[in-house]
N, C-alpha and C. Protein backbone atom coordinates (compact mmCIF):
# COMPACT_ATOMS: atom_id res chain seq x y z
N MET A 1 39.10 -91.36 -224.70
CA MET A 1 38.78 -91.52 -225.75
C MET A 1 37.31 -92.14 -225.44
N GLN A 2 36.51 -91.19 -226.00
CA GLN A 2 35.11 -91.17 -226.09
C GLN A 2 34.77 -93.04 -227.19
N ASN A 3 34.01 -93.41 -226.88
CA ASN A 3 33.37 -94.22 -227.47
C ASN A 3 31.88 -93.93 -228.13
N GLN A 4 31.12 -93.47 -227.39
CA GLN A 4 29.66 -93.25 -228.06
C GLN A 4 29.33 -92.07 -229.05
N ILE A 5 28.60 -91.70 -229.67
CA ILE A 5 28.48 -91.14 -230.72
C ILE A 5 27.22 -89.78 -230.08
N ALA A 6 27.93 -88.85 -229.71
CA ALA A 6 27.09 -87.29 -228.99
C ALA A 6 27.17 -86.27 -229.62
N LYS A 7 26.60 -85.24 -229.22
CA LYS A 7 26.87 -84.07 -229.90
C LYS A 7 28.50 -83.16 -229.91
N ASN A 8 28.48 -83.16 -231.00
CA ASN A 8 30.04 -82.59 -231.17
C ASN A 8 31.22 -83.60 -231.28
N SER A 9 30.65 -84.75 -231.38
CA SER A 9 31.55 -86.18 -231.88
C SER A 9 32.45 -85.70 -232.95
N VAL A 10 33.73 -86.37 -233.02
CA VAL A 10 33.96 -86.43 -234.88
C VAL A 10 33.71 -88.24 -234.82
N VAL A 11 32.76 -88.17 -235.72
CA VAL A 11 32.62 -90.03 -236.08
C VAL A 11 33.23 -90.15 -237.75
N THR A 12 33.83 -91.50 -237.50
CA THR A 12 34.51 -91.98 -238.95
C THR A 12 33.48 -93.28 -239.06
N LEU A 13 32.30 -93.59 -240.32
CA LEU A 13 32.43 -94.49 -240.66
C LEU A 13 32.64 -95.31 -241.94
N ASN A 14 32.47 -96.30 -241.67
CA ASN A 14 32.76 -97.20 -243.17
C ASN A 14 31.14 -97.48 -243.51
N TYR A 15 31.13 -97.16 -244.61
CA TYR A 15 30.28 -97.31 -244.98
C TYR A 15 29.74 -98.07 -246.63
N THR A 16 28.24 -98.40 -246.98
CA THR A 16 28.20 -98.62 -248.35
C THR A 16 26.94 -98.02 -248.52
N VAL A 17 26.33 -97.51 -249.79
CA VAL A 17 25.49 -97.35 -250.29
C VAL A 17 24.38 -97.69 -251.29
N ARG A 18 23.46 -98.62 -251.27
CA ARG A 18 22.80 -99.19 -252.59
C ARG A 18 21.81 -98.98 -252.90
N ASP A 19 21.40 -98.95 -253.88
CA ASP A 19 20.07 -98.14 -254.24
C ASP A 19 18.94 -99.60 -254.19
N PRO A 20 17.82 -99.44 -253.70
CA PRO A 20 16.59 -100.87 -253.19
C PRO A 20 16.87 -102.19 -254.42
N ASP A 21 17.39 -102.19 -255.30
CA ASP A 21 17.66 -103.69 -256.26
C ASP A 21 19.30 -103.84 -255.69
N GLY A 22 19.83 -102.91 -254.39
CA GLY A 22 21.42 -103.58 -254.40
C GLY A 22 22.19 -103.43 -255.33
N ALA A 23 22.31 -102.11 -256.17
CA ALA A 23 23.42 -101.46 -256.90
C ALA A 23 24.17 -100.76 -255.79
N VAL A 24 25.35 -101.28 -256.09
CA VAL A 24 26.57 -100.11 -255.74
C VAL A 24 26.16 -98.58 -255.99
N ILE A 25 25.63 -97.57 -254.73
CA ILE A 25 25.62 -96.45 -255.52
C ILE A 25 27.48 -95.67 -255.24
N ASP A 26 27.63 -96.20 -253.58
CA ASP A 26 28.87 -95.58 -253.30
C ASP A 26 29.36 -96.82 -252.46
N ASP A 27 30.67 -96.97 -252.91
CA ASP A 27 31.03 -98.01 -252.48
C ASP A 27 31.91 -97.86 -250.90
N GLY A 28 32.12 -96.52 -250.61
CA GLY A 28 32.54 -96.03 -249.26
C GLY A 28 34.21 -96.14 -249.10
N GLN A 29 35.01 -96.53 -250.40
CA GLN A 29 36.39 -96.27 -250.28
C GLN A 29 36.87 -95.41 -248.88
N HIS A 30 36.05 -94.57 -249.23
CA HIS A 30 36.86 -93.47 -248.16
C HIS A 30 36.03 -93.53 -247.19
N PRO A 31 36.54 -93.65 -246.18
CA PRO A 31 35.70 -93.30 -245.25
C PRO A 31 35.36 -91.96 -244.59
N LEU A 32 33.80 -92.33 -244.37
CA LEU A 32 33.14 -90.73 -243.87
C LEU A 32 33.67 -90.45 -243.36
N VAL A 33 33.69 -89.19 -242.30
CA VAL A 33 34.18 -88.15 -241.45
C VAL A 33 32.89 -87.07 -241.23
N TYR A 34 32.68 -86.81 -240.23
CA TYR A 34 32.01 -85.90 -240.13
C TYR A 34 31.68 -85.62 -238.17
N LEU A 35 31.18 -84.11 -238.48
CA LEU A 35 31.15 -83.94 -237.12
C LEU A 35 29.10 -83.92 -236.87
N HIS A 36 28.94 -84.43 -235.75
CA HIS A 36 27.79 -84.98 -235.20
C HIS A 36 27.52 -83.83 -234.37
N GLY A 37 25.92 -83.44 -234.63
CA GLY A 37 24.96 -82.68 -233.36
C GLY A 37 24.18 -81.82 -234.56
N GLY A 38 23.87 -81.80 -235.36
CA GLY A 38 23.38 -80.99 -236.31
C GLY A 38 23.79 -80.13 -237.05
N TYR A 39 25.16 -80.19 -237.14
CA TYR A 39 26.15 -79.50 -238.77
C TYR A 39 25.67 -79.87 -239.97
N ASP A 40 25.00 -80.71 -240.68
CA ASP A 40 24.39 -81.03 -242.26
C ASP A 40 25.52 -81.65 -242.67
N GLY A 41 26.58 -82.74 -242.02
CA GLY A 41 27.56 -83.14 -242.38
C GLY A 41 26.62 -83.93 -243.30
N ILE A 42 25.84 -84.70 -242.52
CA ILE A 42 25.46 -85.86 -243.41
C ILE A 42 23.68 -86.10 -242.97
N PHE A 43 23.19 -86.64 -243.88
CA PHE A 43 21.58 -86.28 -243.96
C PHE A 43 20.95 -86.74 -242.42
N PRO A 44 20.22 -85.73 -242.31
CA PRO A 44 19.44 -85.84 -240.71
C PRO A 44 19.03 -87.23 -240.20
N VAL A 45 18.42 -88.13 -241.21
CA VAL A 45 17.61 -89.15 -240.46
C VAL A 45 19.10 -89.86 -240.00
N LEU A 46 20.16 -89.80 -241.27
CA LEU A 46 21.50 -91.20 -240.73
C LEU A 46 21.65 -90.66 -239.46
N GLU A 47 22.07 -89.47 -239.35
CA GLU A 47 22.73 -88.73 -237.63
C GLU A 47 21.86 -89.52 -236.87
N GLU A 48 20.54 -89.02 -236.81
CA GLU A 48 19.42 -89.03 -235.95
C GLU A 48 20.19 -90.59 -235.45
N ALA A 49 19.65 -91.68 -236.62
CA ALA A 49 19.84 -93.33 -236.18
C ALA A 49 21.43 -93.69 -235.52
N LEU A 50 22.59 -92.58 -235.78
CA LEU A 50 23.96 -92.80 -235.30
C LEU A 50 23.79 -92.26 -234.18
N HIS A 51 22.88 -91.45 -233.45
CA HIS A 51 23.20 -90.98 -232.15
C HIS A 51 23.18 -91.87 -231.15
N GLY A 52 24.54 -91.83 -230.11
CA GLY A 52 24.30 -93.14 -228.96
C GLY A 52 24.88 -94.85 -229.36
N LYS A 53 25.21 -94.42 -230.65
CA LYS A 53 26.03 -95.90 -231.33
C LYS A 53 27.40 -96.00 -230.43
N THR A 54 27.90 -96.86 -230.59
CA THR A 54 29.34 -96.76 -230.14
C THR A 54 30.34 -97.72 -231.05
N VAL A 55 31.47 -97.10 -231.05
CA VAL A 55 32.71 -97.80 -231.85
C VAL A 55 32.57 -99.24 -231.92
N GLY A 56 32.72 -99.62 -233.11
CA GLY A 56 32.08 -101.02 -233.81
C GLY A 56 30.55 -101.87 -234.26
N GLU A 57 29.98 -100.81 -233.59
CA GLU A 57 28.58 -100.87 -233.99
C GLU A 57 28.10 -101.12 -235.26
N SER A 58 27.58 -101.48 -235.67
CA SER A 58 26.90 -101.55 -237.49
C SER A 58 25.37 -102.12 -237.46
N PHE A 59 25.15 -101.52 -238.00
CA PHE A 59 23.35 -101.19 -238.83
C PHE A 59 23.22 -100.58 -240.26
N GLN A 60 22.01 -101.29 -240.60
CA GLN A 60 21.60 -100.77 -241.90
C GLN A 60 20.16 -99.89 -241.95
N LEU A 61 20.21 -98.92 -242.63
CA LEU A 61 19.35 -97.50 -242.50
C LEU A 61 18.93 -97.92 -244.06
N LYS A 62 17.32 -97.71 -244.44
CA LYS A 62 17.09 -97.69 -245.74
C LYS A 62 16.46 -95.64 -245.60
N LEU A 63 16.98 -94.90 -246.32
CA LEU A 63 16.34 -93.66 -246.47
C LEU A 63 15.13 -93.68 -247.68
N GLN A 64 14.41 -93.00 -247.51
CA GLN A 64 13.43 -92.50 -248.86
C GLN A 64 13.92 -91.49 -249.49
N PRO A 65 13.54 -90.96 -250.65
CA PRO A 65 14.02 -90.03 -251.13
C PRO A 65 14.16 -88.82 -250.25
N GLU A 66 12.55 -88.56 -250.20
CA GLU A 66 12.71 -87.23 -249.28
C GLU A 66 13.62 -86.87 -247.89
N ASP A 67 14.47 -88.02 -247.64
CA ASP A 67 15.19 -87.81 -246.60
C ASP A 67 16.30 -88.12 -247.23
N ALA A 68 16.66 -88.10 -248.23
CA ALA A 68 18.19 -87.86 -249.15
C ALA A 68 18.21 -86.84 -250.04
N PHE A 69 18.01 -87.20 -251.53
CA PHE A 69 18.13 -86.14 -252.33
C PHE A 69 16.83 -85.54 -252.91
N GLY A 70 15.98 -85.92 -252.17
CA GLY A 70 14.27 -85.07 -252.42
C GLY A 70 14.06 -86.21 -253.68
N ASP A 71 12.69 -85.87 -253.82
CA ASP A 71 11.74 -86.46 -254.94
C ASP A 71 12.07 -85.66 -255.93
N TYR A 72 11.97 -86.67 -257.05
CA TYR A 72 12.04 -86.11 -258.62
C TYR A 72 10.88 -84.99 -258.61
N ASP A 73 11.48 -83.84 -259.35
CA ASP A 73 10.97 -83.11 -259.73
C ASP A 73 10.65 -82.30 -261.28
N GLU A 74 9.34 -83.17 -261.82
CA GLU A 74 9.34 -83.07 -262.92
C GLU A 74 9.94 -81.00 -263.88
N GLU A 75 9.45 -80.19 -262.99
CA GLU A 75 9.45 -79.10 -262.93
C GLU A 75 10.86 -78.74 -263.19
N LEU A 76 12.08 -79.18 -263.23
CA LEU A 76 13.33 -79.23 -262.93
C LEU A 76 13.78 -79.44 -264.33
N ILE A 77 13.01 -80.42 -265.09
CA ILE A 77 13.38 -80.72 -266.38
C ILE A 77 12.92 -79.61 -267.47
N LEU A 78 14.04 -79.06 -267.98
CA LEU A 78 13.96 -77.84 -269.13
C LEU A 78 14.31 -78.00 -270.71
N VAL A 79 13.70 -77.51 -271.39
CA VAL A 79 13.91 -77.57 -273.01
C VAL A 79 14.55 -76.35 -273.36
N GLU A 80 15.74 -75.98 -273.69
CA GLU A 80 16.23 -74.56 -274.68
C GLU A 80 16.49 -74.93 -275.87
N ASP A 81 16.87 -73.76 -276.22
CA ASP A 81 17.18 -73.44 -277.24
C ASP A 81 19.16 -73.90 -277.04
N ALA A 82 19.50 -74.56 -278.64
CA ALA A 82 20.67 -75.13 -278.34
C ALA A 82 21.63 -73.66 -278.97
N LYS A 83 21.52 -72.85 -278.96
CA LYS A 83 22.24 -71.25 -279.19
C LYS A 83 22.34 -70.93 -278.08
N LEU A 84 21.78 -71.10 -277.27
CA LEU A 84 22.37 -70.28 -275.21
C LEU A 84 23.66 -71.06 -275.08
N PHE A 85 23.86 -72.35 -275.79
CA PHE A 85 25.25 -73.20 -275.06
C PHE A 85 25.79 -72.69 -276.10
N PRO A 86 27.63 -73.51 -275.52
CA PRO A 86 28.97 -73.59 -276.26
C PRO A 86 28.32 -74.44 -277.46
N GLU A 87 29.03 -75.01 -277.96
CA GLU A 87 29.05 -75.69 -279.38
C GLU A 87 29.48 -76.89 -278.82
N ASN A 88 30.01 -76.92 -278.08
CA ASN A 88 30.97 -78.27 -277.72
C ASN A 88 30.58 -79.30 -276.26
N ILE A 89 29.52 -78.59 -276.22
CA ILE A 89 28.30 -79.68 -274.95
C ILE A 89 28.01 -81.11 -275.16
N GLU A 90 28.05 -81.63 -274.95
CA GLU A 90 27.65 -83.22 -274.78
C GLU A 90 26.52 -83.75 -274.05
N VAL A 91 26.04 -84.48 -273.93
CA VAL A 91 24.84 -85.31 -272.86
C VAL A 91 25.81 -85.87 -271.58
N GLY A 92 25.73 -85.31 -270.59
CA GLY A 92 25.80 -85.99 -269.13
C GLY A 92 26.96 -84.68 -268.91
N MET A 93 26.90 -83.28 -269.58
CA MET A 93 27.50 -82.57 -268.84
C MET A 93 26.98 -81.97 -267.54
N SER A 94 27.24 -81.33 -267.26
CA SER A 94 26.96 -80.45 -265.97
C SER A 94 27.24 -78.92 -266.29
N PHE A 95 26.35 -77.99 -265.58
CA PHE A 95 26.47 -76.76 -265.09
C PHE A 95 25.72 -75.85 -264.44
N GLU A 96 25.80 -74.96 -263.64
CA GLU A 96 25.34 -74.06 -262.71
C GLU A 96 24.70 -72.98 -263.43
N ARG A 97 23.02 -73.02 -262.08
CA ARG A 97 21.98 -72.28 -263.04
C ARG A 97 21.76 -71.36 -261.96
N VAL A 98 21.97 -69.77 -261.77
CA VAL A 98 21.22 -69.79 -260.27
C VAL A 98 19.86 -68.89 -260.92
N SER A 99 19.19 -68.90 -259.89
CA SER A 99 17.51 -68.91 -260.08
C SER A 99 17.55 -67.44 -260.30
N ASP A 100 15.91 -67.16 -260.68
CA ASP A 100 16.17 -66.01 -261.24
C ASP A 100 15.81 -64.78 -260.30
N ASP A 101 15.69 -64.89 -259.02
CA ASP A 101 15.82 -64.62 -257.87
C ASP A 101 17.42 -63.82 -257.66
N GLY A 102 18.41 -65.12 -257.75
CA GLY A 102 19.79 -64.93 -257.83
C GLY A 102 20.10 -65.41 -256.53
N GLU A 103 19.11 -66.34 -255.82
CA GLU A 103 19.33 -66.93 -254.57
C GLU A 103 19.70 -68.53 -254.43
N GLU A 104 19.11 -69.04 -255.19
CA GLU A 104 19.45 -70.37 -254.96
C GLU A 104 20.04 -71.24 -256.77
N GLU A 105 21.40 -71.77 -256.16
CA GLU A 105 22.25 -72.24 -257.68
C GLU A 105 21.84 -74.03 -257.65
N LEU A 106 21.56 -74.05 -258.60
CA LEU A 106 20.76 -75.24 -259.20
C LEU A 106 22.05 -75.99 -260.04
N ILE A 107 22.39 -77.40 -259.89
CA ILE A 107 22.97 -77.62 -261.24
C ILE A 107 22.71 -78.20 -261.86
N TYR A 108 22.61 -78.47 -263.42
CA TYR A 108 21.82 -78.75 -264.23
C TYR A 108 22.40 -79.89 -265.01
N ARG A 109 21.99 -80.78 -265.25
CA ARG A 109 22.75 -81.86 -266.11
C ARG A 109 22.06 -82.04 -267.97
N ILE A 110 22.98 -81.97 -268.89
CA ILE A 110 22.57 -82.15 -269.99
C ILE A 110 21.88 -83.70 -270.19
N THR A 111 20.63 -83.94 -270.46
CA THR A 111 20.62 -85.17 -270.55
C THR A 111 19.85 -85.50 -272.21
N ASP A 112 19.90 -84.43 -272.87
CA ASP A 112 19.30 -84.79 -274.25
C ASP A 112 19.80 -83.65 -275.75
N ILE A 113 20.10 -83.97 -276.45
CA ILE A 113 20.41 -82.94 -277.22
C ILE A 113 20.00 -83.73 -278.78
N ALA A 114 18.82 -82.76 -279.37
CA ALA A 114 18.19 -83.00 -280.54
C ALA A 114 17.89 -81.76 -280.90
N ASP A 115 17.75 -81.52 -282.41
CA ASP A 115 17.08 -80.62 -283.37
C ASP A 115 16.92 -79.27 -283.15
N GLY A 116 18.02 -78.94 -282.47
CA GLY A 116 18.86 -77.28 -282.16
C GLY A 116 17.95 -77.60 -280.81
N LYS A 117 17.84 -78.77 -279.99
CA LYS A 117 17.06 -78.08 -278.87
C LYS A 117 18.18 -79.34 -277.57
N VAL A 118 18.19 -78.28 -276.51
CA VAL A 118 18.61 -79.05 -275.32
C VAL A 118 17.96 -79.41 -273.92
N VAL A 119 17.89 -80.58 -273.95
CA VAL A 119 17.04 -81.04 -272.52
C VAL A 119 18.09 -80.64 -271.38
N VAL A 120 17.58 -80.21 -270.50
CA VAL A 120 18.67 -80.22 -268.88
C VAL A 120 18.22 -80.48 -267.90
N ASP A 121 18.18 -81.03 -267.07
CA ASP A 121 17.25 -81.73 -265.89
C ASP A 121 18.17 -81.13 -264.70
N GLY A 122 17.96 -80.62 -263.41
CA GLY A 122 17.91 -79.82 -262.38
C GLY A 122 17.84 -81.39 -260.98
N ASN A 123 17.54 -81.94 -261.51
CA ASN A 123 17.18 -83.21 -260.34
C ASN A 123 18.45 -83.38 -260.06
N HIS A 124 18.60 -83.79 -258.45
CA HIS A 124 19.87 -84.65 -258.37
C HIS A 124 19.69 -86.05 -259.47
N PRO A 125 21.26 -86.46 -259.67
CA PRO A 125 20.87 -87.75 -260.24
C PRO A 125 20.12 -88.97 -259.29
N LEU A 126 20.43 -88.77 -257.60
CA LEU A 126 19.45 -89.54 -256.76
C LEU A 126 18.77 -88.96 -256.52
N ALA A 127 17.70 -87.94 -256.76
CA ALA A 127 16.52 -87.45 -256.63
C ALA A 127 15.66 -88.55 -257.29
N GLY A 128 14.56 -89.30 -256.25
CA GLY A 128 13.65 -89.95 -256.11
C GLY A 128 14.05 -91.38 -255.78
N VAL A 129 15.39 -91.56 -255.45
CA VAL A 129 15.56 -92.89 -255.01
C VAL A 129 15.79 -93.21 -253.55
N SER A 130 15.64 -94.27 -253.05
CA SER A 130 15.59 -94.64 -252.13
C SER A 130 17.34 -94.85 -251.85
N LEU A 131 18.13 -94.51 -250.89
CA LEU A 131 19.02 -95.24 -250.26
C LEU A 131 19.57 -96.36 -249.23
N VAL A 132 19.90 -96.93 -249.36
CA VAL A 132 19.94 -98.26 -247.95
C VAL A 132 21.45 -98.19 -247.89
N PHE A 133 21.52 -97.39 -246.77
CA PHE A 133 23.13 -97.49 -246.14
C PHE A 133 23.58 -98.38 -244.68
N ASP A 134 24.72 -98.86 -245.26
CA ASP A 134 24.94 -100.32 -244.41
C ASP A 134 26.42 -99.40 -243.44
N VAL A 135 26.13 -99.14 -242.57
CA VAL A 135 27.42 -98.97 -241.63
C VAL A 135 27.69 -98.90 -240.58
N THR A 136 29.10 -98.84 -240.30
CA THR A 136 29.37 -99.54 -239.40
C THR A 136 30.45 -98.17 -238.52
N VAL A 137 30.40 -97.97 -237.18
CA VAL A 137 30.89 -96.87 -236.56
C VAL A 137 32.53 -96.92 -236.52
N ALA A 138 33.70 -96.56 -236.91
CA ALA A 138 34.99 -96.87 -236.75
C ALA A 138 36.03 -96.32 -235.76
N GLU A 139 35.07 -95.13 -235.73
CA GLU A 139 36.05 -94.10 -234.43
C GLU A 139 35.23 -93.26 -234.47
N VAL A 140 35.05 -92.84 -233.01
CA VAL A 140 34.57 -91.35 -232.69
C VAL A 140 35.32 -91.08 -231.44
N ARG A 141 35.36 -89.41 -231.64
CA ARG A 141 36.45 -88.81 -230.77
C ARG A 141 35.82 -87.34 -230.48
N ALA A 142 35.99 -86.78 -229.40
CA ALA A 142 35.59 -85.26 -229.44
C ALA A 142 36.06 -84.26 -230.34
N ALA A 143 35.59 -83.69 -230.34
CA ALA A 143 35.96 -82.58 -231.71
C ALA A 143 36.55 -81.06 -230.98
N THR A 144 37.45 -80.73 -231.55
CA THR A 144 38.25 -79.73 -230.92
C THR A 144 37.73 -78.47 -230.97
N ALA A 145 37.29 -77.38 -230.17
CA ALA A 145 36.83 -75.93 -230.02
C ALA A 145 36.80 -75.78 -231.67
N GLU A 146 37.37 -75.60 -232.31
CA GLU A 146 37.75 -74.74 -233.88
C GLU A 146 37.05 -75.72 -234.53
N GLU A 147 36.98 -76.96 -234.63
CA GLU A 147 36.29 -77.52 -235.50
C GLU A 147 34.56 -77.40 -235.09
N ILE A 148 34.32 -77.36 -233.81
CA ILE A 148 32.81 -76.51 -233.25
C ILE A 148 32.95 -75.31 -233.67
N ALA A 149 33.51 -74.65 -233.79
CA ALA A 149 33.21 -73.48 -233.96
C ALA A 149 32.91 -72.77 -235.53
N HIS A 150 33.88 -73.91 -236.24
CA HIS A 150 33.63 -74.40 -237.82
C HIS A 150 32.42 -74.76 -238.03
N GLY A 151 32.33 -75.81 -237.42
CA GLY A 151 30.94 -77.01 -237.87
C GLY A 151 31.58 -77.62 -238.80
N HIS A 152 32.44 -77.50 -238.29
CA HIS A 152 33.17 -78.99 -239.65
C HIS A 152 34.19 -79.83 -239.41
N VAL A 153 34.74 -80.92 -239.73
CA VAL A 153 35.80 -81.30 -239.15
C VAL A 153 37.09 -81.22 -240.03
N HIS A 154 38.29 -80.69 -239.32
CA HIS A 154 39.80 -80.38 -239.81
C HIS A 154 40.06 -81.72 -239.58
N GLY A 155 41.57 -81.69 -240.60
CA GLY A 155 42.47 -82.79 -240.27
C GLY A 155 42.25 -83.71 -241.53
N ALA A 156 42.98 -85.06 -240.91
CA ALA A 156 42.65 -86.05 -242.02
C ALA A 156 41.46 -86.90 -242.81
N GLY A 157 41.11 -86.79 -243.90
CA GLY A 157 39.63 -86.61 -244.38
C GLY A 157 38.71 -85.76 -244.13
N GLY A 158 39.31 -84.78 -243.19
CA GLY A 158 37.96 -83.38 -243.05
C GLY A 158 38.28 -82.77 -243.74
N HIS A 159 37.26 -81.49 -243.68
CA HIS A 159 37.72 -80.56 -244.39
C HIS A 159 38.92 -79.62 -244.37
N HIS A 160 39.35 -78.98 -245.52
CA HIS A 160 40.71 -78.39 -245.43
C HIS A 160 40.38 -76.74 -245.65
N HIS A 161 40.58 -75.52 -245.59
CA HIS A 161 40.70 -74.54 -245.74
C HIS A 161 41.54 -74.15 -246.77
């Protein structure tokens, strides 16, 4: 039984995420299970803070926007002609848009509809927000060879193909 978080550990975390005002963003109803060691399973700053921790350890970590969902980018707000959209659109709907070079897909949310125009926002809903994580290490185990090869956790709470 492995107790300390190291590269290629499968880590189970009990956590909550709040904004700086204490409002709950994620109540952590489902524990977070990820493969530790630079597999992009969680925010790198959080992963760094977890390295070397043991089962039962708890801590709080505040992530600045640039370490979480990024800073708010005004250029990702677009005003489009409503004729470009289906008739049944509503504020709050999301859709994917591939960038002009076909490389990147961004999720845009509709934030306003007025006067034949639709305002869409490509920022993550939590862009520009600092996140405060309360984390307890619930479980640590060695990853299987398959999990390491695939770069993510399999099985309960993990990724399914």
